[in-house]
Amino acid sequence: MAAAQQGILDLLSPYPPGWGGVLLTGAVSTVAISACAFAIGLLLGTGGALGKLSGNRALRLVLDLYTTVIRAVPELILIVGLYYAGTDGLNRLLAAMDLPPVEVNGFVAAVAVLGFVQGAYMTEVLRGAILAIPTGQIEAAKAFGMGPVLRFRRVLLPALLPNALPGLANLWMSVTKDSALVAVVGYQELALATRLAGASTKHYFVFFLASALLYLAITLVSNVAFKLIEGRVRRGQPRLA
């Protein structure tokens, strides 16, 4: 038993020939990809939600098409399609301008594609949160002469965050799992690092269990962070329970 435990510890050691360092590096990459994609998705979602509610019919139709298509197609197909189609389209454009082709960095591609996907979901989450704001608050802000930017910062944003935060927390958890799909474009994050470690040592159970614990740790830390944020944005509001 002691020998088996020592063998597992050697496999998970952060120093070679152990694979612990590779798994931890993969976990850091997963968090970095997820955080960057979440931020991009938040920007796209905010713009998309405001665009859908702007009253511009053409813009609303375009955004409806964007959110419908992205939410209908599996993420894996979107990642592969957008990565290869995007790279090919970029190189064709560069060729037309007599410029040399480029190879898109795996991290940049992963963040861009996942952020684009997240933007579609966040558009609907934020749109629903804005619709939940009593119209009297917005009308009062207009009556006080607030412009669109000031109105968004002083009225819309503080009022929508409590409504949107649970949905945004779910999307954060989702993107940390979806980051495993970027392995198909050749970028090494936690899931790919786990498969490489298992394939090299044939100790699949050990490394997949270690990977599951790392994902669980990311989730638990994220839950604490979102609870703190929720407590901050809901300060002064009556507790429901």
C-alpha atoms as a PDB file:
ATOM      1  CA  MET A   1       0.000   0.000   0.000  1.00  0.00           C
ATOM      2  CA  ALA A   2       2.778   2.404   0.966  1.00  0.00           C
ATOM      3  CA  ALA A   3       4.635   1.609  -2.246  1.00  0.00           C
ATOM      4  CA  ALA A   4       1.482   2.276  -4.299  1.00  0.00           C
ATOM      5  CA  GLN A   5       0.904   5.581  -2.522  1.00  0.00           C
ATOM      6  CA  GLN A   6       4.508   6.570  -3.122  1.00  0.00           C
ATOM      7  CA  GLY A   7       4.123   5.684  -6.783  1.00  0.00           C
ATOM      8  CA  ILE A   8       1.049   7.912  -7.104  1.00  0.00           C
ATOM      9  CA  LEU A   9       2.842  10.773  -5.373  1.00  0.00           C
ATOM     10  CA  ASP A  10       5.736  10.371  -7.788  1.00  0.00           C
ATOM     11  CA  LEU A  11       3.351  10.518 -10.742  1.00  0.00           C
ATOM     12  CA  LEU A  12       1.739  13.700  -9.401  1.00  0.00           C
ATOM     13  CA  SER A  13       4.993  15.343  -8.392  1.00  0.00           C
ATOM     14  CA  PRO A  14       5.356  18.872  -9.790  1.00  0.00           C
ATOM     15  CA  TYR A  15       8.915  18.017 -10.791  1.00  0.00           C
ATOM     16  CA  PRO A  16       9.958  15.704 -13.654  1.00  0.00           C
ATOM     17  CA  PRO A  17       9.408  12.857 -14.198  1.00  0.00           C
ATOM     18  CA  GLY A  18       6.158  13.621 -12.355  1.00  0.00           C
ATOM     19  CA  TRP A  19       3.273  15.228 -14.266  1.00  0.00           C
ATOM     20  CA  GLY A  20       1.885  17.425 -11.504  1.00  0.00           C
ATOM     21  CA  GLY A  21       3.529  20.525 -12.909  1.00  0.00           C
ATOM     22  CA  VAL A  22       2.022  19.868 -16.338  1.00  0.00           C
ATOM     23  CA  LEU A  23      -1.447  19.511 -14.812  1.00  0.00           C
ATOM     24  CA  LEU A  24      -1.068  22.710 -12.786  1.00  0.00           C
ATOM     25  CA  THR A  25       0.134  24.593 -15.866  1.00  0.00           C
ATOM     26  CA  GLY A  26      -2.869  23.251 -17.748  1.00  0.00           C
ATOM     27  CA  ALA A  27      -5.171  24.407 -14.945  1.00  0.00           C
ATOM     28  CA  VAL A  28      -3.689  27.907 -15.100  1.00  0.00           C
ATOM     29  CA  SER A  29      -4.200  27.920 -18.883  1.00  0.00           C
ATOM     30  CA  THR A  30      -7.814  26.820 -18.389  1.00  0.00           C
ATOM     31  CA  VAL A  31      -8.484  29.696 -15.988  1.00  0.00           C
ATOM     32  CA  ALA A  32      -6.712  32.202 -18.261  1.00  0.00           C
ATOM     33  CA  ILE A  33      -8.653  31.082 -21.358  1.00  0.00           C
ATOM     34  CA  SER A  34     -11.927  31.103 -19.436  1.00  0.00           C
ATOM     35  CA  ALA A  35     -11.350  34.534 -17.889  1.00  0.00           C
ATOM     36  CA  CYS A  36     -10.396  36.175 -21.189  1.00  0.00           C
ATOM     37  CA  ALA A  37     -13.274  34.514 -23.057  1.00  0.00           C
ATOM     38  CA  PHE A  38     -15.704  35.512 -20.288  1.00  0.00           C
ATOM     39  CA  ALA A  39     -14.561  39.136 -20.495  1.00  0.00           C
ATOM     40  CA  ILE A  40     -14.971  39.195 -24.287  1.00  0.00           C
ATOM     41  CA  GLY A  41     -18.360  37.524 -23.983  1.00  0.00           C
ATOM     42  CA  LEU A  42     -19.419  40.102 -21.400  1.00  0.00           C
ATOM     43  CA  LEU A  43     -18.542  42.957 -23.755  1.00  0.00           C
ATOM     44  CA  LEU A  44     -20.319  41.305 -26.684  1.00  0.00           C
ATOM     45  CA  GLY A  45     -23.289  40.398 -24.501  1.00  0.00           C
ATOM     46  CA  THR A  46     -23.663  43.930 -23.166  1.00  0.00           C
ATOM     47  CA  GLY A  47     -23.563  45.367 -26.674  1.00  0.00           C
ATOM     48  CA  GLY A  48     -25.913  42.674 -27.945  1.00  0.00           C
ATOM     49  CA  ALA A  49     -28.455  43.198 -25.161  1.00  0.00           C
ATOM     50  CA  LEU A  50     -28.491  46.962 -25.638  1.00  0.00           C
ATOM     51  CA  GLY A  51     -28.702  46.486 -29.401  1.00  0.00           C
ATOM     52  CA  LYS A  52     -31.701  44.162 -29.112  1.00  0.00           C
ATOM     53  CA  LEU A  53     -33.479  46.691 -26.916  1.00  0.00           C
ATOM     54  CA  SER A  54     -32.489  49.737 -28.958  1.00  0.00           C
ATOM     55  CA  GLY A  55     -35.540  49.622 -31.213  1.00  0.00           C
ATOM     56  CA  ASN A  56     -33.432  49.321 -34.378  1.00  0.00           C
ATOM     57  CA  ARG A  57     -35.182  46.568 -36.323  1.00  0.00           C
ATOM     58  CA  ALA A  58     -32.255  45.714 -38.646  1.00  0.00           C
ATOM     59  CA  LEU A  59     -29.821  45.508 -35.745  1.00  0.00           C
ATOM     60  CA  ARG A  60     -32.240  43.345 -33.771  1.00  0.00           C
ATOM     61  CA  LEU A  61     -32.596  40.923 -36.689  1.00  0.00           C
ATOM     62  CA  VAL A  62     -28.814  40.591 -36.998  1.00  0.00           C
ATOM     63  CA  LEU A  63     -28.454  39.988 -33.263  1.00  0.00           C
ATOM     64  CA  ASP A  64     -31.332  37.492 -33.273  1.00  0.00           C
ATOM     65  CA  LEU A  65     -29.543  35.559 -36.021  1.00  0.00           C
ATOM     66  CA  TYR A  66     -26.270  35.664 -34.057  1.00  0.00           C
ATOM     67  CA  THR A  67     -27.764  34.400 -30.787  1.00  0.00           C
ATOM     68  CA  THR A  68     -29.949  31.773 -32.472  1.00  0.00           C
ATOM     69  CA  VAL A  69     -27.191  30.257 -34.596  1.00  0.00           C
ATOM     70  CA  ILE A  70     -24.576  30.245 -31.846  1.00  0.00           C
ATOM     71  CA  ARG A  71     -26.917  28.661 -29.308  1.00  0.00           C
ATOM     72  CA  ALA A  72     -28.166  26.086 -31.807  1.00  0.00           C
ATOM     73  CA  VAL A  73     -24.798  24.755 -33.003  1.00  0.00           C
ATOM     74  CA  PRO A  74     -22.639  22.617 -30.632  1.00  0.00           C
ATOM     75  CA  GLU A  75     -19.596  24.430 -29.266  1.00  0.00           C
ATOM     76  CA  LEU A  76     -17.163  21.859 -30.658  1.00  0.00           C
ATOM     77  CA  ILE A  77     -18.363  22.459 -34.222  1.00  0.00           C
ATOM     78  CA  LEU A  78     -18.207  26.219 -33.683  1.00  0.00           C
ATOM     79  CA  ILE A  79     -14.679  26.071 -32.321  1.00  0.00           C
ATOM     80  CA  VAL A  80     -13.379  23.923 -35.165  1.00  0.00           C
ATOM     81  CA  GLY A  81     -15.311  25.807 -37.833  1.00  0.00           C
ATOM     82  CA  LEU A  82     -14.493  29.313 -36.636  1.00  0.00           C
ATOM     83  CA  TYR A  83     -10.835  28.474 -36.018  1.00  0.00           C
ATOM     84  CA  TYR A  84     -10.107  26.934 -39.404  1.00  0.00           C
ATOM     85  CA  ALA A  85     -12.523  29.092 -41.404  1.00  0.00           C
ATOM     86  CA  GLY A  86     -11.304  32.215 -39.625  1.00  0.00           C
ATOM     87  CA  THR A  87      -7.648  31.369 -40.215  1.00  0.00           C
ATOM     88  CA  ASP A  88      -8.297  30.533 -43.857  1.00  0.00           C
ATOM     89  CA  GLY A  89     -10.298  33.725 -44.386  1.00  0.00           C
ATOM     90  CA  LEU A  90      -7.607  35.841 -42.753  1.00  0.00           C
ATOM     91  CA  ASN A  91      -4.862  34.305 -44.892  1.00  0.00           C
ATOM     92  CA  ARG A  92      -6.918  34.773 -48.057  1.00  0.00           C
ATOM     93  CA  LEU A  93      -7.345  38.439 -47.168  1.00  0.00           C
ATOM     94  CA  LEU A  94      -3.613  38.784 -46.523  1.00  0.00           C
ATOM     95  CA  ALA A  95      -2.842  37.043 -49.822  1.00  0.00           C
ATOM     96  CA  ALA A  96      -5.099  39.486 -51.645  1.00  0.00           C
ATOM     97  CA  MET A  97      -3.051  42.298 -50.094  1.00  0.00           C
ATOM     98  CA  ASP A  98       0.237  40.572 -51.110  1.00  0.00           C
ATOM     99  CA  LEU A  99       1.095  39.887 -47.486  1.00  0.00           C
ATOM    100  CA  PRO A 100       2.525  36.635 -46.094  1.00  0.00           C
ATOM    101  CA  PRO A 101       0.145  34.193 -44.347  1.00  0.00           C
ATOM    102  CA  VAL A 102       0.001  34.010 -40.563  1.00  0.00           C
ATOM    103  CA  GLU A 103      -0.572  31.171 -38.149  1.00  0.00           C
ATOM    104  CA  VAL A 104      -3.101  32.082 -35.477  1.00  0.00           C
ATOM    105  CA  ASN A 105      -1.872  31.499 -31.933  1.00  0.00           C
ATOM    106  CA  GLY A 106      -3.812  28.714 -30.202  1.00  0.00           C
ATOM    107  CA  PHE A 107      -4.477  30.779 -27.073  1.00  0.00           C
ATOM    108  CA  VAL A 108      -5.762  33.740 -29.086  1.00  0.00           C
ATOM    109  CA  ALA A 109      -7.951  31.464 -31.202  1.00  0.00           C
ATOM    110  CA  ALA A 110      -9.374  29.709 -28.147  1.00  0.00           C
ATOM    111  CA  VAL A 111     -10.181  32.975 -26.389  1.00  0.00           C
ATOM    112  CA  ALA A 112     -11.710  34.560 -29.500  1.00  0.00           C
ATOM    113  CA  VAL A 113     -13.925  31.587 -30.346  1.00  0.00           C
ATOM    114  CA  LEU A 114     -15.102  30.925 -26.788  1.00  0.00           C
ATOM    115  CA  GLY A 115     -15.678  34.647 -26.237  1.00  0.00           C
ATOM    116  CA  PHE A 116     -17.777  34.816 -29.401  1.00  0.00           C
ATOM    117  CA  VAL A 117     -19.850  31.849 -28.196  1.00  0.00           C
ATOM    118  CA  GLN A 118     -20.218  33.278 -24.692  1.00  0.00           C
ATOM    119  CA  GLY A 119     -21.386  36.589 -26.143  1.00  0.00           C
ATOM    120  CA  ALA A 120     -24.514  34.970 -27.585  1.00  0.00           C
ATOM    121  CA  TYR A 121     -25.549  33.499 -24.247  1.00  0.00           C
ATOM    122  CA  MET A 122     -24.689  36.644 -22.314  1.00  0.00           C
ATOM    123  CA  THR A 123     -26.766  38.729 -24.720  1.00  0.00           C
ATOM    124  CA  GLU A 124     -29.898  36.908 -23.612  1.00  0.00           C
ATOM    125  CA  VAL A 125     -28.939  36.849 -19.918  1.00  0.00           C
ATOM    126  CA  LEU A 126     -28.294  40.597 -19.860  1.00  0.00           C
ATOM    127  CA  ARG A 127     -31.319  41.387 -22.009  1.00  0.00           C
ATOM    128  CA  GLY A 128     -33.540  39.562 -19.530  1.00  0.00           C
ATOM    129  CA  ALA A 129     -31.881  41.369 -16.616  1.00  0.00           C
ATOM    130  CA  ILE A 130     -32.504  44.753 -18.254  1.00  0.00           C
ATOM    131  CA  LEU A 131     -36.144  43.896 -18.976  1.00  0.00           C
ATOM    132  CA  ALA A 132     -36.579  43.053 -15.274  1.00  0.00           C
ATOM    133  CA  ILE A 133     -35.713  46.638 -14.292  1.00  0.00           C
ATOM    134  CA  PRO A 134     -38.838  48.688 -13.512  1.00  0.00           C
ATOM    135  CA  THR A 135     -39.380  51.129 -16.384  1.00  0.00           C
ATOM    136  CA  GLY A 136     -40.082  53.899 -13.876  1.00  0.00           C
ATOM    137  CA  GLN A 137     -36.397  53.972 -12.892  1.00  0.00           C
ATOM    138  CA  ILE A 138     -35.309  54.480 -16.500  1.00  0.00           C
ATOM    139  CA  GLU A 139     -37.984  57.101 -17.120  1.00  0.00           C
ATOM    140  CA  ALA A 140     -36.932  58.960 -13.976  1.00  0.00           C
ATOM    141  CA  ALA A 141     -33.310  58.988 -15.160  1.00  0.00           C
ATOM    142  CA  LYS A 142     -34.414  60.421 -18.502  1.00  0.00           C
ATOM    143  CA  ALA A 143     -36.501  63.035 -16.705  1.00  0.00           C
ATOM    144  CA  PHE A 144     -33.425  64.134 -14.773  1.00  0.00           C
ATOM    145  CA  GLY A 145     -31.662  64.700 -18.106  1.00  0.00           C
ATOM    146  CA  MET A 146     -29.217  61.780 -17.917  1.00  0.00           C
ATOM    147  CA  GLY A 147     -27.654  60.819 -21.236  1.00  0.00           C
ATOM    148  CA  PRO A 148     -27.435  57.186 -22.418  1.00  0.00           C
ATOM    149  CA  VAL A 149     -23.943  56.582 -21.004  1.00  0.00           C
ATOM    150  CA  LEU A 150     -24.659  58.159 -17.618  1.00  0.00           C
ATOM    151  CA  ARG A 151     -28.038  56.416 -17.485  1.00  0.00           C
ATOM    152  CA  PHE A 152     -26.385  53.054 -18.108  1.00  0.00           C
ATOM    153  CA  ARG A 153     -23.697  53.637 -15.484  1.00  0.00           C
ATOM    154  CA  ARG A 154     -25.906  55.107 -12.763  1.00  0.00           C
ATOM    155  CA  VAL A 155     -29.208  53.269 -13.279  1.00  0.00           C
ATOM    156  CA  LEU A 156     -29.085  50.281 -15.634  1.00  0.00           C
ATOM    157  CA  LEU A 157     -25.828  48.676 -14.484  1.00  0.00           C
ATOM    158  CA  PRO A 158     -26.515  48.714 -10.710  1.00  0.00           C
ATOM    159  CA  ALA A 159     -30.077  47.497 -11.300  1.00  0.00           C
ATOM    160  CA  LEU A 160     -29.301  44.720 -13.790  1.00  0.00           C
ATOM    161  CA  LEU A 161     -26.354  43.135 -11.955  1.00  0.00           C
ATOM    162  CA  PRO A 162     -28.403  41.500  -9.168  1.00  0.00           C
ATOM    163  CA  ASN A 163     -30.704  39.979 -11.794  1.00  0.00           C
ATOM    164  CA  ALA A 164     -27.935  38.928 -14.179  1.00  0.00           C
ATOM    165  CA  LEU A 165     -25.374  37.594 -11.714  1.00  0.00           C
ATOM    166  CA  PRO A 166     -26.803  34.060 -11.278  1.00  0.00           C
ATOM    167  CA  GLY A 167     -26.911  33.591 -15.054  1.00  0.00           C
ATOM    168  CA  LEU A 168     -23.415  35.032 -15.452  1.00  0.00           C
ATOM    169  CA  ALA A 169     -22.124  32.683 -12.748  1.00  0.00           C
ATOM    170  CA  ASN A 170     -23.570  29.727 -14.637  1.00  0.00           C
ATOM    171  CA  LEU A 171     -21.938  30.932 -17.858  1.00  0.00           C
ATOM    172  CA  TRP A 172     -18.584  31.214 -16.085  1.00  0.00           C
ATOM    173  CA  MET A 173     -18.890  27.613 -14.917  1.00  0.00           C
ATOM    174  CA  SER A 174     -19.848  26.643 -18.456  1.00  0.00           C
ATOM    175  CA  VAL A 175     -16.871  28.329 -20.086  1.00  0.00           C
ATOM    176  CA  THR A 176     -14.429  26.645 -17.695  1.00  0.00           C
ATOM    177  CA  LYS A 177     -15.761  23.305 -18.960  1.00  0.00           C
ATOM    178  CA  ASP A 178     -15.953  24.413 -22.612  1.00  0.00           C
ATOM    179  CA  SER A 179     -12.282  25.418 -22.451  1.00  0.00           C
ATOM    180  CA  ALA A 180     -11.518  21.675 -22.660  1.00  0.00           C
ATOM    181  CA  LEU A 181     -12.771  21.771 -26.265  1.00  0.00           C
ATOM    182  CA  VAL A 182      -9.922  24.044 -27.403  1.00  0.00           C
ATOM    183  CA  ALA A 183      -7.647  20.991 -27.401  1.00  0.00           C
ATOM    184  CA  VAL A 184      -8.920  20.360 -30.942  1.00  0.00           C
ATOM    185  CA  VAL A 185      -7.045  23.469 -32.140  1.00  0.00           C
ATOM    186  CA  GLY A 186      -3.839  22.240 -30.533  1.00  0.00           C
ATOM    187  CA  TYR A 187      -3.665  24.395 -27.415  1.00  0.00           C
ATOM    188  CA  GLN A 188      -2.769  22.579 -24.222  1.00  0.00           C
ATOM    189  CA  GLU A 189      -5.022  23.242 -21.247  1.00  0.00           C
ATOM    190  CA  LEU A 190      -6.013  20.999 -18.350  1.00  0.00           C
ATOM    191  CA  ALA A 191      -8.008  18.400 -20.303  1.00  0.00           C
ATOM    192  CA  LEU A 192      -5.319  17.928 -22.953  1.00  0.00           C
ATOM    193  CA  ALA A 193      -2.573  17.851 -20.316  1.00  0.00           C
ATOM    194  CA  THR A 194      -4.523  15.118 -18.500  1.00  0.00           C
ATOM    195  CA  ARG A 195      -4.842  13.018 -21.644  1.00  0.00           C
ATOM    196  CA  LEU A 196      -1.136  13.411 -22.413  1.00  0.00           C
ATOM    197  CA  ALA A 197      -0.172  12.397 -18.872  1.00  0.00           C
ATOM    198  CA  GLY A 198      -2.475   9.373 -18.961  1.00  0.00           C
ATOM    199  CA  ALA A 199      -1.292   8.267 -22.396  1.00  0.00           C
ATOM    200  CA  SER A 200       2.371   8.582 -21.392  1.00  0.00           C
ATOM    201  CA  THR A 201       2.115   6.692 -18.104  1.00  0.00           C
ATOM    202  CA  LYS A 202      -1.002   4.506 -18.685  1.00  0.00           C
ATOM    203  CA  HIS A 203      -2.255   5.652 -15.261  1.00  0.00           C
ATOM    204  CA  TYR A 204      -5.438   7.146 -16.675  1.00  0.00           C
ATOM    205  CA  PHE A 205      -7.489   6.878 -13.480  1.00  0.00           C
ATOM    206  CA  VAL A 206      -4.911   8.732 -11.392  1.00  0.00           C
ATOM    207  CA  PHE A 207      -4.621  11.672 -13.744  1.00  0.00           C
ATOM    208  CA  PHE A 208      -8.294  11.973 -14.621  1.00  0.00           C
ATOM    209  CA  LEU A 209      -9.133  11.920 -10.906  1.00  0.00           C
ATOM    210  CA  ALA A 210      -6.504  14.602 -10.270  1.00  0.00           C
ATOM    211  CA  SER A 211      -7.927  16.641 -13.153  1.00  0.00           C
ATOM    212  CA  ALA A 212     -11.454  16.318 -11.753  1.00  0.00           C
ATOM    213  CA  LEU A 213     -10.223  17.583  -8.385  1.00  0.00           C
ATOM    214  CA  LEU A 214      -8.576  20.580 -10.057  1.00  0.00           C
ATOM    215  CA  TYR A 215     -11.810  21.422 -11.901  1.00  0.00           C
ATOM    216  CA  LEU A 216     -13.654  21.056  -8.588  1.00  0.00           C
ATOM    217  CA  ALA A 217     -11.182  23.423  -6.917  1.00  0.00           C
ATOM    218  CA  ILE A 218     -11.728  26.002  -9.683  1.00  0.00           C
ATOM    219  CA  THR A 219     -15.496  25.671  -9.220  1.00  0.00           C
ATOM    220  CA  LEU A 220     -15.356  26.037  -5.430  1.00  0.00           C
ATOM    221  CA  VAL A 221     -13.150  29.126  -5.620  1.00  0.00           C
ATOM    222  CA  SER A 222     -15.437  30.565  -8.305  1.00  0.00           C
ATOM    223  CA  ASN A 223     -18.500  29.957  -6.116  1.00  0.00           C
ATOM    224  CA  VAL A 224     -16.895  31.880  -3.254  1.00  0.00           C
ATOM    225  CA  ALA A 225     -15.946  34.740  -5.586  1.00  0.00           C
ATOM    226  CA  PHE A 226     -19.454  35.026  -7.041  1.00  0.00           C
ATOM    227  CA  LYS A 227     -21.022  34.910  -3.562  1.00  0.00           C
ATOM    228  CA  LEU A 228     -18.824  37.829  -2.523  1.00  0.00           C
ATOM    229  CA  ILE A 229     -19.740  39.745  -5.676  1.00  0.00           C
ATOM    230  CA  GLU A 230     -23.423  39.003  -5.173  1.00  0.00           C
ATOM    231  CA  GLY A 231     -23.255  40.223  -1.603  1.00  0.00           C
ATOM    232  CA  ARG A 232     -21.672  43.420  -2.868  1.00  0.00           C
ATOM    233  CA  VAL A 233     -24.192  44.158  -5.637  1.00  0.00           C
ATOM    234  CA  ARG A 234     -27.170  43.224  -3.444  1.00  0.00           C
ATOM    235  CA  ARG A 235     -26.137  45.385  -0.493  1.00  0.00           C
ATOM    236  CA  GLY A 236     -29.085  47.307   0.887  1.00  0.00           C
ATOM    237  CA  GLN A 237     -31.615  44.965  -0.706  1.00  0.00           C
ATOM    238  CA  PRO A 238     -33.941  42.834   1.461  1.00  0.00           C
ATOM    239  CA  ARG A 239     -32.906  39.197   1.812  1.00  0.00           C
ATOM    240  CA  LEU A 240     -35.257  36.652   0.276  1.00  0.00           C
ATOM    241  CA  ALA A 241     -34.451  34.000   2.857  1.00  0.00           C
END
